[in-house]
Amino acid sequence: QVQVVESGGGLVQAGGSLRLSCAASGSTFGTIGWYRQAPGKQRELVAEISSGGMANSADSVKGRFAISRDYVKNTVYLQMNSLKPEDTAVYYCKARLRFFGSEYWGQGTQVTVSS
């Protein structure tokens, strides 16, 4: 059974840092990514990392956020630095199966950045 579980959200002041974790289990995974959805806005890609370690991130977070992957723990991390109020959103992890392409979403974790 595939499970995708996020953790690490919370309330932080502007300029602060948070680290999100996404633990994927139950299969072999290809690309795993972080997305976010602010109230009234569409869900958008924040950053993703392939099974080979290739990373991609949105322009809005380049230089502030970093995605990494622990292949032993099957966990993807999103280190978020220099947080801004506009980073406030529910952050979701999406994991794609490596061999079949099916995608699984986590339940989301709230990140709130106060000004």
PDB file of N, CA and C in Angstrom:
ATOM      1  N   GLN A   1       0.848  -1.183   0.000  1.00  0.00           N
ATOM      2  CA  GLN A   1       0.000   0.000   0.000  1.00  0.00           C
ATOM      3  C   GLN A   1       0.889   1.240   0.000  1.00  0.00           C
ATOM      4  N   VAL A   2       0.650   2.103  -0.982  1.00  0.00           N
ATOM      5  CA  VAL A   2       1.454   3.316  -1.094  1.00  0.00           C
ATOM      6  C   VAL A   2       0.978   4.353  -0.076  1.00  0.00           C
ATOM      7  N   GLN A   3       1.945   4.941   0.606  1.00  0.00           N
ATOM      8  CA  GLN A   3       1.627   6.025   1.545  1.00  0.00           C
ATOM      9  C   GLN A   3       2.578   7.182   1.317  1.00  0.00           C
ATOM     10  N   VAL A   4       2.047   8.377   1.392  1.00  0.00           N
ATOM     11  CA  VAL A   4       2.839   9.601   1.278  1.00  0.00           C
ATOM     12  C   VAL A   4       2.456  10.477   2.460  1.00  0.00           C
ATOM     13  N   VAL A   5       3.417  10.753   3.323  1.00  0.00           N
ATOM     14  CA  VAL A   5       3.119  11.460   4.570  1.00  0.00           C
ATOM     15  C   VAL A   5       4.044  12.652   4.720  1.00  0.00           C
ATOM     16  N   GLU A   6       3.442  13.836   4.819  1.00  0.00           N
ATOM     17  CA  GLU A   6       4.225  15.062   5.004  1.00  0.00           C
ATOM     18  C   GLU A   6       4.289  15.422   6.481  1.00  0.00           C
ATOM     19  N   SER A   7       5.329  16.151   6.832  1.00  0.00           N
ATOM     20  CA  SER A   7       5.450  16.686   8.185  1.00  0.00           C
ATOM     21  C   SER A   7       6.359  17.906   8.146  1.00  0.00           C
ATOM     22  N   GLY A   8       6.321  18.695   9.216  1.00  0.00           N
ATOM     23  CA  GLY A   8       7.257  19.799   9.352  1.00  0.00           C
ATOM     24  C   GLY A   8       6.682  21.185   9.174  1.00  0.00           C
ATOM     25  N   GLY A   9       5.403  21.295   8.856  1.00  0.00           N
ATOM     26  CA  GLY A   9       4.829  22.626   8.696  1.00  0.00           C
ATOM     27  C   GLY A   9       4.685  23.338  10.022  1.00  0.00           C
ATOM     28  N   GLY A  10       4.271  24.599   9.957  1.00  0.00           N
ATOM     29  CA  GLY A  10       4.081  25.354  11.184  1.00  0.00           C
ATOM     30  C   GLY A  10       4.010  26.839  10.925  1.00  0.00           C
ATOM     31  N   LEU A  11       4.105  27.593  12.006  1.00  0.00           N
ATOM     32  CA  LEU A  11       4.052  29.061  11.959  1.00  0.00           C
ATOM     33  C   LEU A  11       5.455  29.604  12.181  1.00  0.00           C
ATOM     34  N   VAL A  12       5.874  30.502  11.325  1.00  0.00           N
ATOM     35  CA  VAL A  12       7.210  31.084  11.431  1.00  0.00           C
ATOM     36  C   VAL A  12       7.147  32.549  11.030  1.00  0.00           C
ATOM     37  N   GLN A  13       8.049  33.328  11.579  1.00  0.00           N
ATOM     38  CA  GLN A  13       8.111  34.739  11.199  1.00  0.00           C
ATOM     39  C   GLN A  13       8.824  34.900   9.865  1.00  0.00           C
ATOM     40  N   ALA A  14       8.531  35.986   9.194  1.00  0.00           N
ATOM     41  CA  ALA A  14       9.207  36.289   7.937  1.00  0.00           C
ATOM     42  C   ALA A  14      10.718  36.308   8.159  1.00  0.00           C
ATOM     43  N   GLY A  15      11.434  35.708   7.228  1.00  0.00           N
ATOM     44  CA  GLY A  15      12.877  35.595   7.347  1.00  0.00           C
ATOM     45  C   GLY A  15      13.335  34.308   8.003  1.00  0.00           C
ATOM     46  N   GLY A  16      12.405  33.580   8.570  1.00  0.00           N
ATOM     47  CA  GLY A  16      12.738  32.337   9.252  1.00  0.00           C
ATOM     48  C   GLY A  16      12.849  31.153   8.312  1.00  0.00           C
ATOM     49  N   SER A  17      13.029  29.980   8.936  1.00  0.00           N
ATOM     50  CA  SER A  17      13.235  28.751   8.160  1.00  0.00           C
ATOM     51  C   SER A  17      12.347  27.630   8.686  1.00  0.00           C
ATOM     52  N   LEU A  18      12.022  26.725   7.789  1.00  0.00           N
ATOM     53  CA  LEU A  18      11.329  25.490   8.119  1.00  0.00           C
ATOM     54  C   LEU A  18      11.862  24.389   7.220  1.00  0.00           C
ATOM     55  N   ARG A  19      11.789  23.155   7.698  1.00  0.00           N
ATOM     56  CA  ARG A  19      12.120  22.019   6.847  1.00  0.00           C
ATOM     57  C   ARG A  19      10.937  21.073   6.820  1.00  0.00           C
ATOM     58  N   LEU A  20      10.461  20.813   5.610  1.00  0.00           N
ATOM     59  CA  LEU A  20       9.371  19.863   5.405  1.00  0.00           C
ATOM     60  C   LEU A  20       9.947  18.507   5.019  1.00  0.00           C
ATOM     61  N   SER A  21       9.255  17.467   5.476  1.00  0.00           N
ATOM     62  CA  SER A  21       9.649  16.105   5.126  1.00  0.00           C
ATOM     63  C   SER A  21       8.490  15.399   4.442  1.00  0.00           C
ATOM     64  N   CYS A  22       8.815  14.579   3.459  1.00  0.00           N
ATOM     65  CA  CYS A  22       7.823  13.760   2.772  1.00  0.00           C
ATOM     66  C   CYS A  22       8.336  12.327   2.766  1.00  0.00           C
ATOM     67  N   ALA A  23       7.667  11.471   3.512  1.00  0.00           N
ATOM     68  CA  ALA A  23       8.053  10.065   3.588  1.00  0.00           C
ATOM     69  C   ALA A  23       7.135   9.253   2.689  1.00  0.00           C
ATOM     70  N   ALA A  24       7.726   8.618   1.677  1.00  0.00           N
ATOM     71  CA  ALA A  24       6.962   7.794   0.738  1.00  0.00           C
ATOM     72  C   ALA A  24       7.288   6.327   0.987  1.00  0.00           C
ATOM     73  N   SER A  25       6.281   5.479   0.990  1.00  0.00           N
ATOM     74  CA  SER A  25       6.518   4.064   1.253  1.00  0.00           C
ATOM     75  C   SER A  25       5.550   3.199   0.454  1.00  0.00           C
ATOM     76  N   GLY A  26       5.888   1.927   0.319  1.00  0.00           N
ATOM     77  CA  GLY A  26       4.993   0.983  -0.332  1.00  0.00           C
ATOM     78  C   GLY A  26       5.292   0.699  -1.782  1.00  0.00           C
ATOM     79  N   SER A  27       6.288   1.346  -2.355  1.00  0.00           N
ATOM     80  CA  SER A  27       6.622   1.098  -3.761  1.00  0.00           C
ATOM     81  C   SER A  27       7.985   1.712  -4.059  1.00  0.00           C
ATOM     82  N   THR A  28       8.347   1.648  -5.342  1.00  0.00           N
ATOM     83  CA  THR A  28       9.567   2.312  -5.816  1.00  0.00           C
ATOM     84  C   THR A  28       9.143   3.586  -6.522  1.00  0.00           C
ATOM     85  N   PHE A  29       9.762   4.688  -6.150  1.00  0.00           N
ATOM     86  CA  PHE A  29       9.299   5.981  -6.618  1.00  0.00           C
ATOM     87  C   PHE A  29      10.258   6.634  -7.597  1.00  0.00           C
ATOM     88  N   GLY A  30       9.666   7.332  -8.533  1.00  0.00           N
ATOM     89  CA  GLY A  30      10.420   8.167  -9.447  1.00  0.00           C
ATOM     90  C   GLY A  30      10.494   9.576  -8.876  1.00  0.00           C
ATOM     91  N   THR A  31       9.990  10.527  -9.646  1.00  0.00           N
ATOM     92  CA  THR A  31      10.029  11.918  -9.204  1.00  0.00           C
ATOM     93  C   THR A  31       9.092  12.149  -8.017  1.00  0.00           C
ATOM     94  N   ILE A  32       9.603  12.857  -7.039  1.00  0.00           N
ATOM     95  CA  ILE A  32       8.799  13.285  -5.882  1.00  0.00           C
ATOM     96  C   ILE A  32       8.894  14.796  -5.806  1.00  0.00           C
ATOM     97  N   GLY A  33       7.769  15.440  -5.628  1.00  0.00           N
ATOM     98  CA  GLY A  33       7.769  16.892  -5.646  1.00  0.00           C
ATOM     99  C   GLY A  33       6.935  17.508  -4.545  1.00  0.00           C
ATOM    100  N   TRP A  34       7.247  18.769  -4.287  1.00  0.00           N
ATOM    101  CA  TRP A  34       6.460  19.571  -3.356  1.00  0.00           C
ATOM    102  C   TRP A  34       5.644  20.590  -4.145  1.00  0.00           C
ATOM    103  N   TYR A  35       4.395  20.703  -3.788  1.00  0.00           N
ATOM    104  CA  TYR A  35       3.486  21.665  -4.374  1.00  0.00           C
ATOM    105  C   TYR A  35       2.892  22.488  -3.237  1.00  0.00           C
ATOM    106  N   ARG A  36       2.313  23.630  -3.586  1.00  0.00           N
ATOM    107  CA  ARG A  36       1.634  24.408  -2.553  1.00  0.00           C
ATOM    108  C   ARG A  36       0.373  25.056  -3.133  1.00  0.00           C
ATOM    109  N   GLN A  37      -0.550  25.290  -2.231  1.00  0.00           N
ATOM    110  CA  GLN A  37      -1.800  25.924  -2.626  1.00  0.00           C
ATOM    111  C   GLN A  37      -2.200  26.937  -1.567  1.00  0.00           C
ATOM    112  N   ALA A  38      -2.216  28.193  -1.988  1.00  0.00           N
ATOM    113  CA  ALA A  38      -2.656  29.271  -1.106  1.00  0.00           C
ATOM    114  C   ALA A  38      -4.158  29.467  -1.290  1.00  0.00           C
ATOM    115  N   PRO A  39      -4.835  30.058  -0.321  1.00  0.00           N
ATOM    116  CA  PRO A  39      -6.282  30.269  -0.438  1.00  0.00           C
ATOM    117  C   PRO A  39      -6.627  31.048  -1.696  1.00  0.00           C
ATOM    118  N   GLY A  40      -7.569  30.528  -2.456  1.00  0.00           N
ATOM    119  CA  GLY A  40      -8.025  31.203  -3.657  1.00  0.00           C
ATOM    120  C   GLY A  40      -7.105  31.068  -4.855  1.00  0.00           C
ATOM    121  N   LYS A  41      -6.047  30.281  -4.715  1.00  0.00           N
ATOM    122  CA  LYS A  41      -5.092  30.127  -5.814  1.00  0.00           C
ATOM    123  C   LYS A  41      -4.996  28.666  -6.233  1.00  0.00           C
ATOM    124  N   GLN A  42      -4.460  28.469  -7.422  1.00  0.00           N
ATOM    125  CA  GLN A  42      -4.259  27.111  -7.906  1.00  0.00           C
ATOM    126  C   GLN A  42      -3.021  26.485  -7.267  1.00  0.00           C
ATOM    127  N   ARG A  43      -3.044  25.181  -7.198  1.00  0.00           N
ATOM    128  CA  ARG A  43      -1.874  24.465  -6.685  1.00  0.00           C
ATOM    129  C   ARG A  43      -0.735  24.652  -7.672  1.00  0.00           C
ATOM    130  N   GLU A  44       0.458  24.907  -7.135  1.00  0.00           N
ATOM    131  CA  GLU A  44       1.612  25.146  -7.999  1.00  0.00           C
ATOM    132  C   GLU A  44       2.807  24.323  -7.535  1.00  0.00           C
ATOM    133  N   LEU A  45       3.646  23.999  -8.498  1.00  0.00           N
ATOM    134  CA  LEU A  45       4.869  23.274  -8.192  1.00  0.00           C
ATOM    135  C   LEU A  45       5.839  24.197  -7.452  1.00  0.00           C
ATOM    136  N   VAL A  46       6.424  23.679  -6.379  1.00  0.00           N
ATOM    137  CA  VAL A  46       7.473  24.398  -5.656  1.00  0.00           C
ATOM    138  C   VAL A  46       8.837  23.860  -6.071  1.00  0.00           C
ATOM    139  N   ALA A  47       9.002  22.556  -5.938  1.00  0.00           N
ATOM    140  CA  ALA A  47      10.267  21.919  -6.303  1.00  0.00           C
ATOM    141  C   ALA A  47      10.033  20.426  -6.429  1.00  0.00           C
ATOM    142  N   GLU A  48      10.840  19.783  -7.265  1.00  0.00           N
ATOM    143  CA  GLU A  48      10.747  18.342  -7.443  1.00  0.00           C
ATOM    144  C   GLU A  48      12.128  17.784  -7.666  1.00  0.00           C
ATOM    145  N   ILE A  49      12.244  16.478  -7.397  1.00  0.00           N
ATOM    146  CA  ILE A  49      13.534  15.815  -7.559  1.00  0.00           C
ATOM    147  C   ILE A  49      13.289  14.428  -8.124  1.00  0.00           C
ATOM    148  N   SER A  50      14.061  14.078  -9.132  1.00  0.00           N
ATOM    149  CA  SER A  50      13.882  12.796  -9.806  1.00  0.00           C
ATOM    150  C   SER A  50      14.572  11.671  -9.035  1.00  0.00           C
ATOM    151  N   SER A  51      14.347  10.443  -9.493  1.00  0.00           N
ATOM    152  CA  SER A  51      14.994   9.304  -8.855  1.00  0.00           C
ATOM    153  C   SER A  51      16.507   9.360  -9.050  1.00  0.00           C
ATOM    154  N   GLY A  52      16.936  10.070 -10.085  1.00  0.00           N
ATOM    155  CA  GLY A  52      18.363  10.217 -10.326  1.00  0.00           C
ATOM    156  C   GLY A  52      18.980  11.434  -9.650  1.00  0.00           C
ATOM    157  N   GLY A  53      18.157  12.197  -8.928  1.00  0.00           N
ATOM    158  CA  GLY A  53      18.690  13.334  -8.185  1.00  0.00           C
ATOM    159  C   GLY A  53      18.615  14.671  -8.899  1.00  0.00           C
ATOM    160  N   MET A  54      17.994  14.687 -10.073  1.00  0.00           N
ATOM    161  CA  MET A  54      17.842  15.965 -10.786  1.00  0.00           C
ATOM    162  C   MET A  54      16.736  16.775 -10.132  1.00  0.00           C
ATOM    163  N   ALA A  55      17.059  18.015  -9.795  1.00  0.00           N
ATOM    164  CA  ALA A  55      16.100  18.867  -9.080  1.00  0.00           C
ATOM    165  C   ALA A  55      15.642  20.014  -9.967  1.00  0.00           C
ATOM    166  N   ASN A  56      14.433  20.442  -9.704  1.00  0.00           N
ATOM    167  CA  ASN A  56      13.829  21.543 -10.442  1.00  0.00           C
ATOM    168  C   ASN A  56      13.006  22.340  -9.435  1.00  0.00           C
ATOM    169  N   SER A  57      13.038  23.665  -9.540  1.00  0.00           N
ATOM    170  CA  SER A  57      12.257  24.463  -8.597  1.00  0.00           C
ATOM    171  C   SER A  57      11.657  25.672  -9.287  1.00  0.00           C
ATOM    172  N   ALA A  58      10.626  26.213  -8.676  1.00  0.00           N
ATOM    173  CA  ALA A  58       9.967  27.392  -9.214  1.00  0.00           C
ATOM    174  C   ALA A  58      10.874  28.610  -9.053  1.00  0.00           C
ATOM    175  N   ASP A  59      10.737  29.551  -9.983  1.00  0.00           N
ATOM    176  CA  ASP A  59      11.565  30.766  -9.921  1.00  0.00           C
ATOM    177  C   ASP A  59      11.356  31.521  -8.617  1.00  0.00           C
ATOM    178  N   SER A  60      10.136  31.458  -8.093  1.00  0.00           N
ATOM    179  CA  SER A  60       9.804  32.230  -6.891  1.00  0.00           C
ATOM    180  C   SER A  60      10.536  31.742  -5.640  1.00  0.00           C
ATOM    181  N   VAL A  61      11.071  30.532  -5.684  1.00  0.00           N
ATOM    182  CA  VAL A  61      11.748  29.996  -4.495  1.00  0.00           C
ATOM    183  C   VAL A  61      13.234  29.738  -4.723  1.00  0.00           C
ATOM    184  N   LYS A  62      13.696  29.950  -5.945  1.00  0.00           N
ATOM    185  CA  LYS A  62      15.123  29.721  -6.235  1.00  0.00           C
ATOM    186  C   LYS A  62      15.995  30.588  -5.335  1.00  0.00           C
ATOM    187  N   GLY A  63      17.012  29.962  -4.788  1.00  0.00           N
ATOM    188  CA  GLY A  63      17.920  30.672  -3.899  1.00  0.00           C
ATOM    189  C   GLY A  63      17.460  30.691  -2.447  1.00  0.00           C
ATOM    190  N   ARG A  64      16.219  30.291  -2.204  1.00  0.00           N
ATOM    191  CA  ARG A  64      15.689  30.272  -0.827  1.00  0.00           C
ATOM    192  C   ARG A  64      15.324  28.857  -0.381  1.00  0.00           C
ATOM    193  N   PHE A  65      14.779  28.061  -1.279  1.00  0.00           N
ATOM    194  CA  PHE A  65      14.347  26.697  -0.950  1.00  0.00           C
ATOM    195  C   PHE A  65      15.300  25.699  -1.600  1.00  0.00           C
ATOM    196  N   ALA A  66      15.493  24.587  -0.940  1.00  0.00           N
ATOM    197  CA  ALA A  66      16.321  23.518  -1.497  1.00  0.00           C
ATOM    198  C   ALA A  66      15.644  22.181  -1.249  1.00  0.00           C
ATOM    199  N   ILE A  67      15.593  21.359  -2.296  1.00  0.00           N
ATOM    200  CA  ILE A  67      14.995  20.033  -2.179  1.00  0.00           C
ATOM    201  C   ILE A  67      16.108  18.995  -2.162  1.00  0.00           C
ATOM    202  N   SER A  68      15.933  17.980  -1.334  1.00  0.00           N
ATOM    203  CA  SER A  68      16.921  16.905  -1.263  1.00  0.00           C
ATOM    204  C   SER A  68      16.205  15.589  -1.023  1.00  0.00           C
ATOM    205  N   ARG A  69      16.952  14.497  -1.218  1.00  0.00           N
ATOM    206  CA  ARG A  69      16.305  13.180  -1.152  1.00  0.00           C
ATOM    207  C   ARG A  69      17.224  12.207  -0.445  1.00  0.00           C
ATOM    208  N   ASP A  70      16.646  11.469   0.493  1.00  0.00           N
ATOM    209  CA  ASP A  70      17.351  10.387   1.185  1.00  0.00           C
ATOM    210  C   ASP A  70      16.799   9.081   0.628  1.00  0.00           C
ATOM    211  N   TYR A  71      17.623   8.384  -0.175  1.00  0.00           N
ATOM    212  CA  TYR A  71      17.153   7.186  -0.867  1.00  0.00           C
ATOM    213  C   TYR A  71      17.006   5.990   0.069  1.00  0.00           C
ATOM    214  N   VAL A  72      17.712   5.996   1.160  1.00  0.00           N
ATOM    215  CA  VAL A  72      17.596   4.904   2.129  1.00  0.00           C
ATOM    216  C   VAL A  72      16.271   5.020   2.877  1.00  0.00           C
ATOM    217  N   LYS A  73      15.947   6.241   3.298  1.00  0.00           N
ATOM    218  CA  LYS A  73      14.709   6.469   4.058  1.00  0.00           C
ATOM    219  C   LYS A  73      13.506   6.722   3.155  1.00  0.00           C
ATOM    220  N   ASN A  74      13.715   6.819   1.843  1.00  0.00           N
ATOM    221  CA  ASN A  74      12.628   7.155   0.918  1.00  0.00           C
ATOM    222  C   ASN A  74      11.927   8.434   1.338  1.00  0.00           C
ATOM    223  N   THR A  75      12.712   9.416   1.693  1.00  0.00           N
ATOM    224  CA  THR A  75      12.183  10.679   2.196  1.00  0.00           C
ATOM    225  C   THR A  75      12.761  11.837   1.396  1.00  0.00           C
ATOM    226  N   VAL A  76      11.892  12.788   1.072  1.00  0.00           N
ATOM    227  CA  VAL A  76      12.301  14.003   0.372  1.00  0.00           C
ATOM    228  C   VAL A  76      12.107  15.173   1.324  1.00  0.00           C
ATOM    229  N   TYR A  77      13.096  16.041   1.354  1.00  0.00           N
ATOM    230  CA  TYR A  77      13.069  17.198   2.251  1.00  0.00           C
ATOM    231  C   TYR A  77      12.976  18.487   1.448  1.00  0.00           C
ATOM    232  N   LEU A  78      12.287  19.447   2.004  1.00  0.00           N
ATOM    233  CA  LEU A  78      12.253  20.783   1.430  1.00  0.00           C
ATOM    234  C   LEU A  78      12.728  21.753   2.509  1.00  0.00           C
ATOM    235  N   GLN A  79      13.946  22.233   2.351  1.00  0.00           N
ATOM    236  CA  GLN A  79      14.490  23.218   3.278  1.00  0.00           C
ATOM    237  C   GLN A  79      14.085  24.594   2.784  1.00  0.00           C
ATOM    238  N   MET A  80      13.357  25.312   3.619  1.00  0.00           N
ATOM    239  CA  MET A  80      12.829  26.615   3.229  1.00  0.00           C
ATOM    240  C   MET A  80      13.468  27.683   4.106  1.00  0.00           C
ATOM    241  N   ASN A  81      14.236  28.555   3.477  1.00  0.00           N
ATOM    242  CA  ASN A  81      14.899  29.650   4.185  1.00  0.00           C
ATOM    243  C   ASN A  81      14.355  30.988   3.696  1.00  0.00           C
ATOM    244  N   SER A  82      14.631  32.030   4.456  1.00  0.00           N
ATOM    245  CA  SER A  82      14.206  33.388   4.083  1.00  0.00           C
ATOM    246  C   SER A  82      12.731  33.407   3.702  1.00  0.00           C
ATOM    247  N   LEU A  83      11.926  32.812   4.540  1.00  0.00           N
ATOM    248  CA  LEU A  83      10.499  32.699   4.224  1.00  0.00           C
ATOM    249  C   LEU A  83       9.819  34.053   4.186  1.00  0.00           C
ATOM    250  N   LYS A  84       8.839  34.158   3.289  1.00  0.00           N
ATOM    251  CA  LYS A  84       8.080  35.393   3.091  1.00  0.00           C
ATOM    252  C   LYS A  84       6.599  35.121   3.364  1.00  0.00           C
ATOM    253  N   PRO A  85       5.847  36.146   3.706  1.00  0.00           N
ATOM    254  CA  PRO A  85       4.408  35.926   3.913  1.00  0.00           C
ATOM    255  C   PRO A  85       3.728  35.282   2.700  1.00  0.00           C
ATOM    256  N   GLU A  86       4.206  35.581   1.515  1.00  0.00           N
ATOM    257  CA  GLU A  86       3.602  34.993   0.318  1.00  0.00           C
ATOM    258  C   GLU A  86       3.909  33.511   0.152  1.00  0.00           C
ATOM    259  N   ASP A  87       4.750  32.956   0.992  1.00  0.00           N
ATOM    260  CA  ASP A  87       4.993  31.513   0.986  1.00  0.00           C
ATOM    261  C   ASP A  87       3.922  30.768   1.793  1.00  0.00           C
ATOM    262  N   THR A  88       3.057  31.509   2.447  1.00  0.00           N
ATOM    263  CA  THR A  88       1.991  30.893   3.235  1.00  0.00           C
ATOM    264  C   THR A  88       1.062  30.082   2.331  1.00  0.00           C
ATOM    265  N   ALA A  89       0.896  28.812   2.667  1.00  0.00           N
ATOM    266  CA  ALA A  89       0.086  27.905   1.849  1.00  0.00           C
ATOM    267  C   ALA A  89       0.031  26.547   2.536  1.00  0.00           C
ATOM    268  N   VAL A  90      -0.822  25.688   2.006  1.00  0.00           N
ATOM    269  CA  VAL A  90      -0.749  24.273   2.356  1.00  0.00           C
ATOM    270  C   VAL A  90       0.233  23.633   1.381  1.00  0.00           C
ATOM    271  N   TYR A  91       1.203  22.945   1.909  1.00  0.00           N
ATOM    272  CA  TYR A  91       2.222  22.297   1.095  1.00  0.00           C
ATOM    273  C   TYR A  91       1.912  20.812   0.985  1.00  0.00           C
ATOM    274  N   TYR A  92       1.907  20.337  -0.248  1.00  0.00           N
ATOM    275  CA  TYR A  92       1.591  18.945  -0.535  1.00  0.00           C
ATOM    276  C   TYR A  92       2.771  18.254  -1.187  1.00  0.00           C
ATOM    277  N   CYS A  93       2.911  16.989  -0.878  1.00  0.00           N
ATOM    278  CA  CYS A  93       3.930  16.164  -1.523  1.00  0.00           C
ATOM    279  C   CYS A  93       3.240  15.236  -2.530  1.00  0.00           C
ATOM    280  N   LYS A  94       3.822  15.113  -3.690  1.00  0.00           N
ATOM    281  CA  LYS A  94       3.325  14.185  -4.709  1.00  0.00           C
ATOM    282  C   LYS A  94       4.439  13.234  -5.100  1.00  0.00           C
ATOM    283  N   ALA A  95       4.130  11.953  -5.036  1.00  0.00           N
ATOM    284  CA  ALA A  95       5.113  10.928  -5.382  1.00  0.00           C
ATOM    285  C   ALA A  95       4.619  10.130  -6.570  1.00  0.00           C
ATOM    286  N   ARG A  96       5.469  10.001  -7.564  1.00  0.00           N
ATOM    287  CA  ARG A  96       5.113   9.238  -8.773  1.00  0.00           C
ATOM    288  C   ARG A  96       5.797   7.890  -8.721  1.00  0.00           C
ATOM    289  N   LEU A  97       5.050   6.833  -9.025  1.00  0.00           N
ATOM    290  CA  LEU A  97       5.664   5.507  -9.063  1.00  0.00           C
ATOM    291  C   LEU A  97       6.666   5.451 -10.201  1.00  0.00           C
ATOM    292  N   ARG A  98       7.767   4.794  -9.948  1.00  0.00           N
ATOM    293  CA  ARG A  98       8.847   4.804 -10.928  1.00  0.00           C
ATOM    294  C   ARG A  98       8.498   4.029 -12.187  1.00  0.00           C
ATOM    295  N   PHE A  99       7.763   2.933 -12.061  1.00  0.00           N
ATOM    296  CA  PHE A  99       7.561   2.052 -13.212  1.00  0.00           C
ATOM    297  C   PHE A  99       6.165   2.126 -13.814  1.00  0.00           C
ATOM    298  N   PHE A 100       5.200   2.682 -13.135  1.00  0.00           N
ATOM    299  CA  PHE A 100       3.852   2.694 -13.658  1.00  0.00           C
ATOM    300  C   PHE A 100       3.291   4.093 -13.842  1.00  0.00           C
ATOM    301  N   GLY A 101       3.936   5.094 -13.279  1.00  0.00           N
ATOM    302  CA  GLY A 101       3.512   6.464 -13.500  1.00  0.00           C
ATOM    303  C   GLY A 101       2.382   6.950 -12.646  1.00  0.00           C
ATOM    304  N   SER A 102       1.765   6.081 -11.834  1.00  0.00           N
ATOM    305  CA  SER A 102       0.692   6.548 -10.967  1.00  0.00           C
ATOM    306  C   SER A 102       1.241   7.550  -9.959  1.00  0.00           C
ATOM    307  N   GLU A 103       0.394   8.498  -9.601  1.00  0.00           N
ATOM    308  CA  GLU A 103       0.813   9.555  -8.676  1.00  0.00           C
ATOM    309  C   GLU A 103      -0.010   9.510  -7.394  1.00  0.00           C
ATOM    310  N   TYR A 104       0.668   9.775  -6.299  1.00  0.00           N
ATOM    311  CA  TYR A 104       0.018   9.756  -4.986  1.00  0.00           C
ATOM    312  C   TYR A 104       0.328  11.060  -4.258  1.00  0.00           C
ATOM    313  N   TRP A 105      -0.720  11.625  -3.657  1.00  0.00           N
ATOM    314  CA  TRP A 105      -0.585  12.866  -2.907  1.00  0.00           C
ATOM    315  C   TRP A 105      -0.648  12.596  -1.409  1.00  0.00           C
ATOM    316  N   GLY A 106       0.086  13.411  -0.668  1.00  0.00           N
ATOM    317  CA  GLY A 106      -0.050  13.400   0.774  1.00  0.00           C
ATOM    318  C   GLY A 106      -1.218  14.265   1.197  1.00  0.00           C
ATOM    319  N   GLN A 107      -1.411  14.347   2.499  1.00  0.00           N
ATOM    320  CA  GLN A 107      -2.572  15.057   3.028  1.00  0.00           C
ATOM    321  C   GLN A 107      -2.342  16.562   3.147  1.00  0.00           C
ATOM    322  N   GLY A 108      -1.101  16.986   3.030  1.00  0.00           N
ATOM    323  CA  GLY A 108      -0.775  18.407   3.108  1.00  0.00           C
ATOM    324  C   GLY A 108      -0.353  18.835   4.502  1.00  0.00           C
ATOM    325  N   THR A 109       0.480  19.862   4.537  1.00  0.00           N
ATOM    326  CA  THR A 109       0.912  20.441   5.811  1.00  0.00           C
ATOM    327  C   THR A 109       0.901  21.966   5.677  1.00  0.00           C
ATOM    328  N   GLN A 110       0.362  22.620   6.672  1.00  0.00           N
ATOM    329  CA  GLN A 110       0.184  24.073   6.602  1.00  0.00           C
ATOM    330  C   GLN A 110       1.483  24.783   6.958  1.00  0.00           C
ATOM    331  N   VAL A 111       1.841  25.742   6.135  1.00  0.00           N
ATOM    332  CA  VAL A 111       2.962  26.644   6.427  1.00  0.00           C
ATOM    333  C   VAL A 111       2.404  28.059   6.464  1.00  0.00           C
ATOM    334  N   THR A 112       2.615  28.725   7.582  1.00  0.00           N
ATOM    335  CA  THR A 112       2.141  30.097   7.740  1.00  0.00           C
ATOM    336  C   THR A 112       3.325  30.985   8.102  1.00  0.00           C
ATOM    337  N   VAL A 113       3.525  32.029   7.302  1.00  0.00           N
ATOM    338  CA  VAL A 113       4.627  32.960   7.535  1.00  0.00           C
ATOM    339  C   VAL A 113       4.025  34.306   7.919  1.00  0.00           C
ATOM    340  N   SER A 114       4.332  34.749   9.115  1.00  0.00           N
ATOM    341  CA  SER A 114       3.794  36.024   9.600  1.00  0.00           C
ATOM    342  C   SER A 114       4.758  37.165   9.289  1.00  0.00           C
ATOM    343  N   SER A 115       4.191  38.332   9.035  1.00  0.00           N
ATOM    344  CA  SER A 115       5.029  39.488   8.681  1.00  0.00           C
ATOM    345  C   SER A 115       5.443  40.268   9.921  1.00  0.00           C
TER     346      SER A 115
END
